[in-house]
Amino acid sequence: MCHSFSVALDETNDINDTAQLAVLVRHETDSIMQERLLTVLSLPGRTTGSITFHTFRTFMGRHHIPLDKIVGVATGEAPGQ
């Protein structure tokens, strides 16, 4: 059972120039730290932080993954953004 986890969110564009959000999770299971790609979500053409968070929150809700178990969040940004 996972009591807490951290997430890393990384937005990028695929080969068709469609915005994608990679969601990676890191958690401890049986005293072993594990990290894995949870999902890759398509984002609408124009993305904002609000749209990105809404997409992430909707995915987590659909899969009954509680947001209150998140203990850390990392995001990637290009310099100057």
C-alpha atoms as a PDB file:
ATOM      1  CA  MET A   1       0.000   0.000   0.000  1.00  0.00           C
ATOM      2  CA  CYS A   2       1.267   3.444  -0.905  1.00  0.00           C
ATOM      3  CA  HIS A   3       0.811   6.024   1.865  1.00  0.00           C
ATOM      4  CA  SER A   4       2.285   8.948  -0.067  1.00  0.00           C
ATOM      5  CA  PHE A   5       3.930   9.708  -3.380  1.00  0.00           C
ATOM      6  CA  SER A   6       5.499  12.492  -5.375  1.00  0.00           C
ATOM      7  CA  VAL A   7       4.763  13.407  -8.979  1.00  0.00           C
ATOM      8  CA  ALA A   8       6.778  14.927 -11.779  1.00  0.00           C
ATOM      9  CA  LEU A   9       4.870  16.616 -14.594  1.00  0.00           C
ATOM     10  CA  ASP A  10       6.641  17.249 -17.886  1.00  0.00           C
ATOM     11  CA  GLU A  11       4.959  18.867 -20.866  1.00  0.00           C
ATOM     12  CA  THR A  12       6.322  18.348 -24.350  1.00  0.00           C
ATOM     13  CA  ASN A  13       5.119  18.143 -27.935  1.00  0.00           C
ATOM     14  CA  ASP A  14       4.998  14.908 -29.901  1.00  0.00           C
ATOM     15  CA  ILE A  15       6.038  14.444 -33.530  1.00  0.00           C
ATOM     16  CA  ASN A  16       2.669  15.873 -34.693  1.00  0.00           C
ATOM     17  CA  ASP A  17       3.178  18.969 -32.496  1.00  0.00           C
ATOM     18  CA  THR A  18       0.444  17.852 -30.089  1.00  0.00           C
ATOM     19  CA  ALA A  19       1.051  18.894 -26.495  1.00  0.00           C
ATOM     20  CA  GLN A  20       1.544  15.914 -24.162  1.00  0.00           C
ATOM     21  CA  LEU A  21       1.798  15.761 -20.382  1.00  0.00           C
ATOM     22  CA  ALA A  22       3.937  12.971 -18.943  1.00  0.00           C
ATOM     23  CA  VAL A  23       3.055  12.081 -15.341  1.00  0.00           C
ATOM     24  CA  LEU A  24       5.731  10.218 -13.394  1.00  0.00           C
ATOM     25  CA  VAL A  25       5.263   8.968  -9.832  1.00  0.00           C
ATOM     26  CA  ARG A  26       7.755   8.065  -7.145  1.00  0.00           C
ATOM     27  CA  HIS A  27       6.764   6.070  -4.062  1.00  0.00           C
ATOM     28  CA  GLU A  28       8.091   3.629  -1.519  1.00  0.00           C
ATOM     29  CA  THR A  29       6.922   0.024  -1.493  1.00  0.00           C
ATOM     30  CA  ASP A  30       8.396  -2.499   0.926  1.00  0.00           C
ATOM     31  CA  SER A  31      11.223  -0.062   1.787  1.00  0.00           C
ATOM     32  CA  ILE A  32      12.185   0.245  -1.905  1.00  0.00           C
ATOM     33  CA  MET A  33      11.829   3.537  -3.773  1.00  0.00           C
ATOM     34  CA  GLN A  34      10.103   3.037  -7.098  1.00  0.00           C
ATOM     35  CA  GLU A  35       9.632   5.447  -9.962  1.00  0.00           C
ATOM     36  CA  ARG A  36       7.456   4.885 -13.000  1.00  0.00           C
ATOM     37  CA  LEU A  37       5.616   6.576 -15.799  1.00  0.00           C
ATOM     38  CA  LEU A  38       1.988   6.715 -14.720  1.00  0.00           C
ATOM     39  CA  THR A  39       0.504   8.096 -17.939  1.00  0.00           C
ATOM     40  CA  VAL A  40       0.899  10.446 -20.875  1.00  0.00           C
ATOM     41  CA  LEU A  41      -2.052  12.776 -21.392  1.00  0.00           C
ATOM     42  CA  SER A  42      -2.889  14.774 -24.517  1.00  0.00           C
ATOM     43  CA  LEU A  43      -3.429  18.480 -23.927  1.00  0.00           C
ATOM     44  CA  PRO A  44      -5.437  20.926 -26.029  1.00  0.00           C
ATOM     45  CA  GLY A  45      -3.651  23.080 -28.600  1.00  0.00           C
ATOM     46  CA  ARG A  46      -3.091  26.078 -26.320  1.00  0.00           C
ATOM     47  CA  THR A  47      -1.929  25.009 -22.884  1.00  0.00           C
ATOM     48  CA  THR A  48      -1.831  27.007 -19.683  1.00  0.00           C
ATOM     49  CA  GLY A  49      -0.986  25.992 -16.152  1.00  0.00           C
ATOM     50  CA  SER A  50      -4.693  25.916 -15.363  1.00  0.00           C
ATOM     51  CA  ILE A  51      -5.489  23.592 -18.286  1.00  0.00           C
ATOM     52  CA  THR A  52      -2.536  21.355 -17.428  1.00  0.00           C
ATOM     53  CA  PHE A  53      -3.636  21.076 -13.782  1.00  0.00           C
ATOM     54  CA  HIS A  54      -7.277  20.443 -14.757  1.00  0.00           C
ATOM     55  CA  THR A  55      -6.200  17.627 -17.101  1.00  0.00           C
ATOM     56  CA  PHE A  56      -4.003  16.108 -14.387  1.00  0.00           C
ATOM     57  CA  ARG A  57      -6.696  16.435 -11.690  1.00  0.00           C
ATOM     58  CA  THR A  58      -9.342  14.883 -13.964  1.00  0.00           C
ATOM     59  CA  PHE A  59      -7.101  11.873 -14.689  1.00  0.00           C
ATOM     60  CA  MET A  60      -6.344  11.357 -11.004  1.00  0.00           C
ATOM     61  CA  GLY A  61     -10.048  11.559 -10.114  1.00  0.00           C
ATOM     62  CA  ARG A  62     -11.074   9.080 -12.816  1.00  0.00           C
ATOM     63  CA  HIS A  63      -8.570   6.578 -11.456  1.00  0.00           C
ATOM     64  CA  HIS A  64      -9.412   7.246  -7.787  1.00  0.00           C
ATOM     65  CA  ILE A  65      -5.883   8.379  -6.968  1.00  0.00           C
ATOM     66  CA  PRO A  66      -6.126  10.737  -3.974  1.00  0.00           C
ATOM     67  CA  LEU A  67      -4.438  14.101  -4.413  1.00  0.00           C
ATOM     68  CA  ASP A  68      -4.006  14.437  -0.649  1.00  0.00           C
ATOM     69  CA  LYS A  69      -1.360  11.667  -0.750  1.00  0.00           C
ATOM     70  CA  ILE A  70       0.953  13.834  -2.876  1.00  0.00           C
ATOM     71  CA  VAL A  71       3.938  15.049  -0.849  1.00  0.00           C
ATOM     72  CA  GLY A  72       5.932  16.643  -3.662  1.00  0.00           C
ATOM     73  CA  VAL A  73       5.469  18.005  -7.166  1.00  0.00           C
ATOM     74  CA  ALA A  74       8.140  18.761  -9.746  1.00  0.00           C
ATOM     75  CA  THR A  75       7.534  20.462 -13.073  1.00  0.00           C
ATOM     76  CA  GLY A  76       9.853  21.190 -15.953  1.00  0.00           C
ATOM     77  CA  GLU A  77      10.092  24.644 -17.470  1.00  0.00           C
ATOM     78  CA  ALA A  78      12.266  26.007 -20.196  1.00  0.00           C
ATOM     79  CA  PRO A  79      14.492  28.912 -19.123  1.00  0.00           C
ATOM     80  CA  GLY A  80      12.741  32.254 -19.387  1.00  0.00           C
ATOM     81  CA  GLN A  81       9.198  30.892 -19.130  1.00  0.00           C
END
